[in-house]
Every structure is written in structure tokens, then in C-alpha cells.
Amino acid sequence: MPKHQPDSVRRESGDGVLGAYEALLFSDSGGLTQFGAFVEILAPGARSSHVHWHEDEDEMVYMLEGSVVLVEGEDEVPLEVGEAATFPAGQALGHRLENRSDSPARYLVIGTRAPRDRVHYPGEDRVLHVERSGGGARRWTTESGAPAEPLPK
């Protein structure tokens, strides 16, 4: 059935070095393979990810509730309900969202699901290599290609 409710979709959550988050994985629950779409909820003080950019995948966020600060390169821009931010594939400018408010922030994330992607983490000397075919292998290296440990979540 194509209808999915927030209380019945697959969820992912965590509370590590980036802070508490929950993701409602709508596209995964619906079996979509061409793009990903999920609602992420960031607790106050949490960050969406380490600063990163994608070689092969476009990404977009659309604010549904609350507010966040978009950190992109040296710039910081507030995002409010009804506003969006877009990140074209291959644009080597790292980004992340930070919830600096006292309330949870909720936003929709939509992104390409390219057959393969390289996710760069500027300042961390890490690259995540994603291969979606053959079981979806994920491998971490340094920028120079040496094997590396994953970044903590």
C-alpha cells in the first residue's frame, strides 16, 4: 500500500557525539530505490551530521517545524519553517544542520540514491565510499585512500 503513517514507518535513532536524533524512513519503508526521503527530528543542541558533501548525490532539506542553523563552509544561515536548502552533487562545500534552539526541529530530507557515492568530511580526513549494488557496501578511508575508522555518530 502506498500510504505510510509516521507511527508505522521504519525508524532510526541515536544519541551519540552529534546529539539525539530520530529519522522516520518513509522512502525505505515504501521500497523506493531511486531517491531517499525521510523526516529527521533533531533534539535541542544536536547536529545532523559531521560537516560533509557528496560527490554524486544531490541533497535537499525542507523545514517542517522549529528552526536550525545551516553551517556551510564558513557561513551560518538560519533555516525556519517553510524554508529549504539545496546541496548539488559535486559541490565541494561541506554542510550540516545544528539545532541551537530549545525545541526539537523537524525537517524533510530528500536525496538522490546514486549507484555509488563518495561522501567527503572536510577537516576530518575521512571519505565514506558507498556502493549500492551488491549489498550496499560502505567503506571508510582517509582522503589519500588509506583505510580508516568510521566517524562517531
N, C-alpha and C. Protein backbone atom coordinates (compact mmCIF):
# COMPACT_ATOMS: atom_id res chain seq x y z
N MET A 1 0.85 -1.19 0.00
CA MET A 1 0.00 0.00 0.00
C MET A 1 0.89 1.25 0.00
N PRO A 2 0.56 2.26 -0.78
CA PRO A 2 1.42 3.44 -0.88
C PRO A 2 1.31 4.42 0.29
N LYS A 3 0.31 4.26 1.16
CA LYS A 3 0.15 5.19 2.28
C LYS A 3 1.00 4.73 3.47
N HIS A 4 1.73 5.67 4.05
CA HIS A 4 2.58 5.37 5.21
C HIS A 4 2.34 6.42 6.29
N GLN A 5 2.19 5.96 7.51
CA GLN A 5 1.97 6.82 8.66
C GLN A 5 3.27 6.94 9.46
N PRO A 6 3.50 8.07 10.11
CA PRO A 6 4.73 8.21 10.90
C PRO A 6 4.91 7.13 11.96
N ASP A 7 3.81 6.62 12.53
CA ASP A 7 3.95 5.61 13.59
C ASP A 7 4.18 4.20 13.05
N SER A 8 4.14 4.02 11.72
CA SER A 8 4.32 2.68 11.18
C SER A 8 5.55 2.54 10.27
N VAL A 9 6.27 3.62 10.01
CA VAL A 9 7.45 3.52 9.15
C VAL A 9 8.67 3.08 9.96
N ARG A 10 9.65 2.55 9.24
CA ARG A 10 10.91 2.18 9.88
C ARG A 10 11.57 3.44 10.46
N ARG A 11 12.16 3.29 11.62
CA ARG A 11 12.80 4.42 12.31
C ARG A 11 14.25 4.11 12.60
N GLU A 12 15.02 5.16 12.67
CA GLU A 12 16.41 5.08 13.11
C GLU A 12 16.59 6.18 14.14
N SER A 13 17.33 5.91 15.19
CA SER A 13 17.56 6.95 16.19
C SER A 13 18.92 6.74 16.83
N GLY A 14 19.38 7.77 17.50
CA GLY A 14 20.66 7.68 18.18
C GLY A 14 20.84 8.86 19.11
N ASP A 15 21.85 8.76 19.95
CA ASP A 15 22.17 9.82 20.90
C ASP A 15 23.66 9.73 21.20
N GLY A 16 24.48 10.09 20.23
CA GLY A 16 25.93 10.00 20.38
C GLY A 16 26.58 11.36 20.42
N VAL A 17 27.77 11.45 19.84
CA VAL A 17 28.53 12.70 19.89
C VAL A 17 27.84 13.84 19.14
N LEU A 18 26.96 13.52 18.19
CA LEU A 18 26.24 14.55 17.45
C LEU A 18 24.96 15.00 18.16
N GLY A 19 24.55 14.29 19.20
CA GLY A 19 23.32 14.60 19.91
C GLY A 19 22.19 13.68 19.48
N ALA A 20 21.05 13.86 20.11
CA ALA A 20 19.90 12.97 19.88
C ALA A 20 19.16 13.32 18.59
N TYR A 21 18.80 12.26 17.85
CA TYR A 21 18.02 12.43 16.63
C TYR A 21 17.11 11.22 16.45
N GLU A 22 16.10 11.42 15.62
CA GLU A 22 15.26 10.32 15.17
C GLU A 22 14.95 10.56 13.71
N ALA A 23 14.96 9.51 12.90
CA ALA A 23 14.64 9.62 11.48
C ALA A 23 13.49 8.68 11.16
N LEU A 24 12.48 9.21 10.47
CA LEU A 24 11.33 8.43 10.01
C LEU A 24 11.60 8.11 8.54
N LEU A 25 11.92 6.87 8.24
CA LEU A 25 12.45 6.47 6.94
C LEU A 25 11.31 6.10 5.97
N PHE A 26 10.64 7.11 5.46
CA PHE A 26 9.48 6.89 4.59
C PHE A 26 9.85 6.18 3.29
N SER A 27 10.89 6.63 2.60
CA SER A 27 11.23 6.02 1.30
C SER A 27 11.69 4.57 1.48
N ASP A 28 12.45 4.28 2.52
CA ASP A 28 12.86 2.90 2.78
C ASP A 28 11.65 2.02 3.07
N SER A 29 10.73 2.53 3.89
CA SER A 29 9.54 1.76 4.24
C SER A 29 8.67 1.48 3.01
N GLY A 30 8.72 2.38 2.03
CA GLY A 30 7.94 2.21 0.81
C GLY A 30 8.67 1.47 -0.29
N GLY A 31 9.91 1.05 -0.04
CA GLY A 31 10.66 0.30 -1.03
C GLY A 31 11.23 1.13 -2.17
N LEU A 32 11.34 2.45 -1.99
CA LEU A 32 11.88 3.31 -3.05
C LEU A 32 13.39 3.11 -3.18
N THR A 33 13.88 3.13 -4.39
CA THR A 33 15.31 2.91 -4.63
C THR A 33 15.98 4.06 -5.39
N GLN A 34 15.22 4.93 -6.04
CA GLN A 34 15.81 5.98 -6.88
C GLN A 34 16.17 7.24 -6.09
N PHE A 35 15.46 7.46 -4.99
CA PHE A 35 15.79 8.59 -4.13
C PHE A 35 15.40 8.25 -2.70
N GLY A 36 16.02 8.95 -1.76
CA GLY A 36 15.70 8.77 -0.36
C GLY A 36 14.92 9.97 0.14
N ALA A 37 13.95 9.73 1.01
CA ALA A 37 13.17 10.80 1.62
C ALA A 37 12.82 10.37 3.04
N PHE A 38 13.18 11.21 3.98
CA PHE A 38 12.86 10.89 5.37
C PHE A 38 12.68 12.17 6.16
N VAL A 39 11.98 12.06 7.27
CA VAL A 39 11.83 13.18 8.19
C VAL A 39 12.80 12.95 9.33
N GLU A 40 13.62 13.95 9.60
CA GLU A 40 14.57 13.86 10.71
C GLU A 40 14.14 14.83 11.79
N ILE A 41 14.26 14.38 13.03
CA ILE A 41 13.93 15.21 14.19
C ILE A 41 15.21 15.36 15.00
N LEU A 42 15.67 16.60 15.14
CA LEU A 42 16.88 16.89 15.91
C LEU A 42 16.50 17.47 17.25
N ALA A 43 17.01 16.90 18.31
CA ALA A 43 16.79 17.42 19.66
C ALA A 43 17.55 18.73 19.82
N PRO A 44 17.15 19.56 20.79
CA PRO A 44 17.92 20.77 21.06
C PRO A 44 19.39 20.44 21.32
N GLY A 45 20.27 21.21 20.71
CA GLY A 45 21.71 21.01 20.87
C GLY A 45 22.32 19.99 19.93
N ALA A 46 21.51 19.26 19.17
CA ALA A 46 22.02 18.20 18.29
C ALA A 46 22.44 18.75 16.93
N ARG A 47 23.31 17.99 16.26
CA ARG A 47 23.76 18.30 14.90
C ARG A 47 23.31 17.16 13.98
N SER A 48 23.01 17.49 12.74
CA SER A 48 22.52 16.48 11.80
C SER A 48 23.59 15.48 11.40
N SER A 49 24.83 15.91 11.35
CA SER A 49 25.93 15.07 10.87
C SER A 49 27.24 15.81 11.11
N HIS A 50 28.32 15.15 10.78
CA HIS A 50 29.58 15.86 10.66
C HIS A 50 29.50 16.66 9.36
N VAL A 51 30.24 17.76 9.27
CA VAL A 51 30.27 18.56 8.04
C VAL A 51 30.69 17.65 6.89
N HIS A 52 29.91 17.66 5.80
CA HIS A 52 30.16 16.74 4.69
C HIS A 52 29.65 17.30 3.37
N TRP A 53 30.06 16.67 2.27
CA TRP A 53 29.50 16.93 0.94
C TRP A 53 29.57 15.65 0.13
N HIS A 54 28.68 15.53 -0.87
CA HIS A 54 28.55 14.32 -1.69
C HIS A 54 29.10 14.56 -3.09
N GLU A 55 29.89 13.62 -3.59
CA GLU A 55 30.36 13.69 -4.98
C GLU A 55 29.22 13.46 -5.97
N ASP A 56 28.34 12.50 -5.70
CA ASP A 56 27.40 12.03 -6.71
C ASP A 56 25.93 12.14 -6.34
N GLU A 57 25.60 12.69 -5.21
CA GLU A 57 24.20 12.75 -4.80
C GLU A 57 23.77 14.18 -4.46
N ASP A 58 22.66 14.60 -5.07
CA ASP A 58 22.03 15.86 -4.68
C ASP A 58 21.33 15.64 -3.34
N GLU A 59 21.20 16.73 -2.59
CA GLU A 59 20.54 16.65 -1.29
C GLU A 59 19.74 17.93 -1.07
N MET A 60 18.58 17.80 -0.41
CA MET A 60 17.75 18.95 -0.09
C MET A 60 17.10 18.74 1.27
N VAL A 61 16.97 19.82 2.03
CA VAL A 61 16.21 19.77 3.28
C VAL A 61 15.13 20.85 3.24
N TYR A 62 13.97 20.53 3.84
CA TYR A 62 12.84 21.45 3.90
C TYR A 62 12.34 21.46 5.34
N MET A 63 12.33 22.63 5.96
CA MET A 63 11.96 22.76 7.37
C MET A 63 10.46 22.61 7.58
N LEU A 64 10.09 21.71 8.50
CA LEU A 64 8.69 21.44 8.84
C LEU A 64 8.28 22.04 10.18
N GLU A 65 9.22 22.06 11.12
CA GLU A 65 8.90 22.51 12.49
C GLU A 65 10.19 22.97 13.15
N GLY A 66 10.11 24.04 13.93
CA GLY A 66 11.28 24.53 14.64
C GLY A 66 12.23 25.28 13.72
N SER A 67 13.48 25.37 14.14
CA SER A 67 14.49 26.06 13.35
C SER A 67 15.85 25.40 13.57
N VAL A 68 16.72 25.57 12.59
CA VAL A 68 18.09 25.07 12.68
C VAL A 68 19.01 26.14 12.11
N VAL A 69 20.29 25.96 12.33
CA VAL A 69 21.31 26.79 11.69
C VAL A 69 22.02 25.91 10.69
N LEU A 70 22.03 26.35 9.43
CA LEU A 70 22.77 25.66 8.38
C LEU A 70 24.21 26.17 8.43
N VAL A 71 25.14 25.26 8.67
CA VAL A 71 26.57 25.58 8.63
C VAL A 71 27.07 25.07 7.28
N GLU A 72 27.57 25.98 6.44
CA GLU A 72 28.06 25.63 5.12
C GLU A 72 29.34 26.39 4.88
N GLY A 73 30.46 25.66 4.87
CA GLY A 73 31.75 26.34 4.77
C GLY A 73 31.93 27.24 5.98
N GLU A 74 32.22 28.50 5.74
CA GLU A 74 32.39 29.48 6.82
C GLU A 74 31.10 30.20 7.17
N ASP A 75 30.03 29.93 6.42
CA ASP A 75 28.77 30.64 6.61
C ASP A 75 27.83 29.89 7.55
N GLU A 76 27.01 30.66 8.27
CA GLU A 76 25.95 30.13 9.11
C GLU A 76 24.67 30.87 8.78
N VAL A 77 23.63 30.11 8.41
CA VAL A 77 22.38 30.70 7.96
C VAL A 77 21.23 30.04 8.71
N PRO A 78 20.32 30.82 9.33
CA PRO A 78 19.17 30.20 9.98
C PRO A 78 18.18 29.67 8.94
N LEU A 79 17.59 28.52 9.23
CA LEU A 79 16.51 27.95 8.42
C LEU A 79 15.28 27.83 9.30
N GLU A 80 14.17 28.40 8.82
CA GLU A 80 12.91 28.40 9.55
C GLU A 80 11.88 27.56 8.81
N VAL A 81 10.74 27.33 9.45
CA VAL A 81 9.64 26.56 8.84
C VAL A 81 9.31 27.14 7.46
N GLY A 82 9.18 26.25 6.48
CA GLY A 82 8.84 26.66 5.12
C GLY A 82 10.04 27.01 4.25
N GLU A 83 11.24 27.00 4.82
CA GLU A 83 12.44 27.30 4.05
C GLU A 83 13.18 26.01 3.71
N ALA A 84 13.95 26.06 2.63
CA ALA A 84 14.68 24.88 2.16
C ALA A 84 16.13 25.26 1.90
N ALA A 85 16.97 24.24 1.88
CA ALA A 85 18.38 24.39 1.47
C ALA A 85 18.69 23.25 0.51
N THR A 86 19.46 23.56 -0.53
CA THR A 86 19.80 22.56 -1.54
C THR A 86 21.32 22.43 -1.64
N PHE A 87 21.77 21.20 -1.89
CA PHE A 87 23.20 20.89 -1.95
C PHE A 87 23.45 20.05 -3.20
N PRO A 88 23.88 20.68 -4.30
CA PRO A 88 24.13 19.93 -5.54
C PRO A 88 25.30 18.96 -5.40
N ALA A 89 25.17 17.82 -6.05
CA ALA A 89 26.25 16.83 -6.08
C ALA A 89 27.52 17.46 -6.64
N GLY A 90 28.65 17.08 -6.05
CA GLY A 90 29.94 17.52 -6.56
C GLY A 90 30.39 18.89 -6.09
N GLN A 91 29.54 19.63 -5.39
CA GLN A 91 29.92 20.94 -4.88
C GLN A 91 30.71 20.73 -3.58
N ALA A 92 32.00 20.95 -3.65
CA ALA A 92 32.91 20.62 -2.54
C ALA A 92 32.85 21.67 -1.44
N LEU A 93 31.68 21.82 -0.86
CA LEU A 93 31.46 22.75 0.24
C LEU A 93 30.67 22.01 1.30
N GLY A 94 31.32 21.69 2.41
CA GLY A 94 30.69 20.89 3.45
C GLY A 94 29.55 21.62 4.14
N HIS A 95 28.58 20.85 4.63
CA HIS A 95 27.42 21.41 5.32
C HIS A 95 26.94 20.48 6.42
N ARG A 96 26.18 21.05 7.34
CA ARG A 96 25.43 20.31 8.35
C ARG A 96 24.40 21.25 8.95
N LEU A 97 23.44 20.68 9.67
CA LEU A 97 22.43 21.45 10.37
C LEU A 97 22.68 21.33 11.86
N GLU A 98 22.43 22.42 12.59
CA GLU A 98 22.58 22.43 14.05
C GLU A 98 21.31 22.98 14.66
N ASN A 99 20.78 22.29 15.66
CA ASN A 99 19.62 22.78 16.38
C ASN A 99 20.12 23.53 17.61
N ARG A 100 20.17 24.83 17.50
CA ARG A 100 20.64 25.68 18.60
C ARG A 100 19.49 26.23 19.42
N SER A 101 18.29 25.74 19.17
CA SER A 101 17.11 26.23 19.88
C SER A 101 16.82 25.36 21.10
N ASP A 102 15.74 25.71 21.81
CA ASP A 102 15.31 24.94 22.97
C ASP A 102 14.21 23.94 22.64
N SER A 103 13.87 23.81 21.36
CA SER A 103 12.79 22.91 20.93
C SER A 103 13.28 21.97 19.84
N PRO A 104 12.64 20.81 19.71
CA PRO A 104 13.02 19.91 18.61
C PRO A 104 12.81 20.59 17.25
N ALA A 105 13.63 20.22 16.30
CA ALA A 105 13.49 20.70 14.91
C ALA A 105 13.16 19.49 14.05
N ARG A 106 12.23 19.68 13.12
CA ARG A 106 11.79 18.59 12.24
C ARG A 106 11.91 19.08 10.80
N TYR A 107 12.55 18.27 9.94
CA TYR A 107 12.71 18.66 8.55
C TYR A 107 12.69 17.43 7.66
N LEU A 108 12.30 17.66 6.41
CA LEU A 108 12.28 16.62 5.39
C LEU A 108 13.61 16.64 4.65
N VAL A 109 14.22 15.47 4.49
CA VAL A 109 15.46 15.33 3.73
C VAL A 109 15.15 14.50 2.49
N ILE A 110 15.56 15.01 1.33
CA ILE A 110 15.38 14.28 0.07
C ILE A 110 16.74 14.24 -0.62
N GLY A 111 17.11 13.07 -1.12
CA GLY A 111 18.39 12.96 -1.80
C GLY A 111 18.40 11.86 -2.84
N THR A 112 19.26 12.05 -3.82
CA THR A 112 19.48 11.05 -4.86
C THR A 112 20.03 9.78 -4.21
N ARG A 113 19.75 8.66 -4.82
CA ARG A 113 20.41 7.41 -4.42
C ARG A 113 21.21 6.92 -5.63
N ALA A 114 22.36 7.53 -5.80
CA ALA A 114 23.23 7.17 -6.92
C ALA A 114 23.78 5.76 -6.70
N PRO A 115 24.13 5.05 -7.79
CA PRO A 115 24.69 3.70 -7.64
C PRO A 115 25.93 3.68 -6.75
N ARG A 116 26.68 4.77 -6.79
CA ARG A 116 27.84 4.89 -5.90
C ARG A 116 28.00 6.36 -5.54
N ASP A 117 28.57 6.59 -4.38
CA ASP A 117 28.79 7.96 -3.92
C ASP A 117 30.05 7.98 -3.07
N ARG A 118 30.66 9.13 -3.00
CA ARG A 118 31.78 9.38 -2.10
C ARG A 118 31.36 10.58 -1.26
N VAL A 119 31.34 10.39 0.05
CA VAL A 119 30.94 11.46 0.97
C VAL A 119 32.20 11.95 1.66
N HIS A 120 32.54 13.20 1.43
CA HIS A 120 33.77 13.79 1.99
C HIS A 120 33.43 14.54 3.28
N TYR A 121 34.31 14.41 4.25
CA TYR A 121 34.17 15.07 5.55
C TYR A 121 35.36 16.01 5.75
N PRO A 122 35.26 17.26 5.24
CA PRO A 122 36.37 18.20 5.35
C PRO A 122 36.76 18.42 6.82
N GLY A 123 38.02 18.50 7.07
CA GLY A 123 38.51 18.71 8.43
C GLY A 123 38.60 17.44 9.25
N GLU A 124 38.05 16.34 8.77
CA GLU A 124 38.08 15.06 9.49
C GLU A 124 39.00 14.05 8.81
N ASP A 125 39.49 14.37 7.60
CA ASP A 125 40.31 13.46 6.79
C ASP A 125 39.62 12.10 6.63
N ARG A 126 38.35 12.15 6.25
CA ARG A 126 37.58 10.92 6.05
C ARG A 126 36.76 11.03 4.76
N VAL A 127 36.62 9.87 4.10
CA VAL A 127 35.73 9.72 2.95
C VAL A 127 34.95 8.43 3.15
N LEU A 128 33.64 8.51 3.02
CA LEU A 128 32.79 7.32 3.06
C LEU A 128 32.49 6.93 1.62
N HIS A 129 32.86 5.70 1.25
CA HIS A 129 32.61 5.17 -0.09
C HIS A 129 31.37 4.29 0.00
N VAL A 130 30.33 4.63 -0.76
CA VAL A 130 29.07 3.91 -0.73
C VAL A 130 28.85 3.25 -2.09
N GLU A 131 28.64 1.95 -2.08
CA GLU A 131 28.31 1.17 -3.29
C GLU A 131 26.95 0.55 -3.05
N ARG A 132 25.93 0.99 -3.77
CA ARG A 132 24.57 0.48 -3.52
C ARG A 132 24.33 -0.88 -4.16
N SER A 133 25.07 -1.23 -5.20
CA SER A 133 24.88 -2.54 -5.82
C SER A 133 25.62 -3.59 -4.99
N GLY A 134 25.21 -4.84 -5.12
CA GLY A 134 25.91 -5.92 -4.44
C GLY A 134 25.84 -5.87 -2.93
N GLY A 135 24.72 -5.44 -2.38
CA GLY A 135 24.56 -5.47 -0.93
C GLY A 135 24.81 -4.16 -0.23
N GLY A 136 25.19 -3.12 -0.95
CA GLY A 136 25.34 -1.81 -0.34
C GLY A 136 26.55 -1.65 0.55
N ALA A 137 27.72 -2.02 0.05
CA ALA A 137 28.95 -1.93 0.85
C ALA A 137 29.28 -0.48 1.19
N ARG A 138 29.78 -0.28 2.40
CA ARG A 138 30.23 1.03 2.87
C ARG A 138 31.64 0.86 3.40
N ARG A 139 32.52 1.76 2.96
CA ARG A 139 33.93 1.65 3.34
C ARG A 139 34.47 3.04 3.62
N TRP A 140 35.23 3.16 4.71
CA TRP A 140 35.82 4.43 5.11
C TRP A 140 37.30 4.46 4.75
N THR A 141 37.75 5.61 4.25
CA THR A 141 39.18 5.83 4.01
C THR A 141 39.54 7.24 4.44
N THR A 142 40.84 7.51 4.44
CA THR A 142 41.31 8.89 4.55
C THR A 142 41.18 9.53 3.17
N GLU A 143 41.41 10.82 3.07
CA GLU A 143 41.37 11.50 1.77
C GLU A 143 42.40 10.90 0.81
N SER A 144 43.50 10.39 1.33
CA SER A 144 44.54 9.81 0.47
C SER A 144 44.25 8.36 0.09
N GLY A 145 43.18 7.77 0.64
CA GLY A 145 42.77 6.42 0.27
C GLY A 145 43.16 5.32 1.23
N ALA A 146 43.85 5.63 2.31
CA ALA A 146 44.21 4.62 3.31
C ALA A 146 42.97 4.21 4.10
N PRO A 147 42.84 2.93 4.49
CA PRO A 147 41.70 2.51 5.31
C PRO A 147 41.60 3.34 6.59
N ALA A 148 40.37 3.61 7.02
CA ALA A 148 40.16 4.46 8.20
C ALA A 148 38.94 3.99 8.98
N GLU A 149 38.91 4.36 10.24
CA GLU A 149 37.76 4.08 11.10
C GLU A 149 36.61 5.02 10.75
N PRO A 150 35.36 4.57 10.92
CA PRO A 150 34.22 5.46 10.70
C PRO A 150 34.22 6.61 11.70
N LEU A 151 33.59 7.71 11.32
CA LEU A 151 33.40 8.81 12.26
C LEU A 151 32.32 8.43 13.25
N PRO A 152 32.44 8.84 14.51
CA PRO A 152 31.40 8.53 15.50
C PRO A 152 30.13 9.32 15.20
N LYS A 153 28.98 8.71 15.50
CA LYS A 153 27.70 9.40 15.27
C LYS A 153 27.29 10.18 16.48
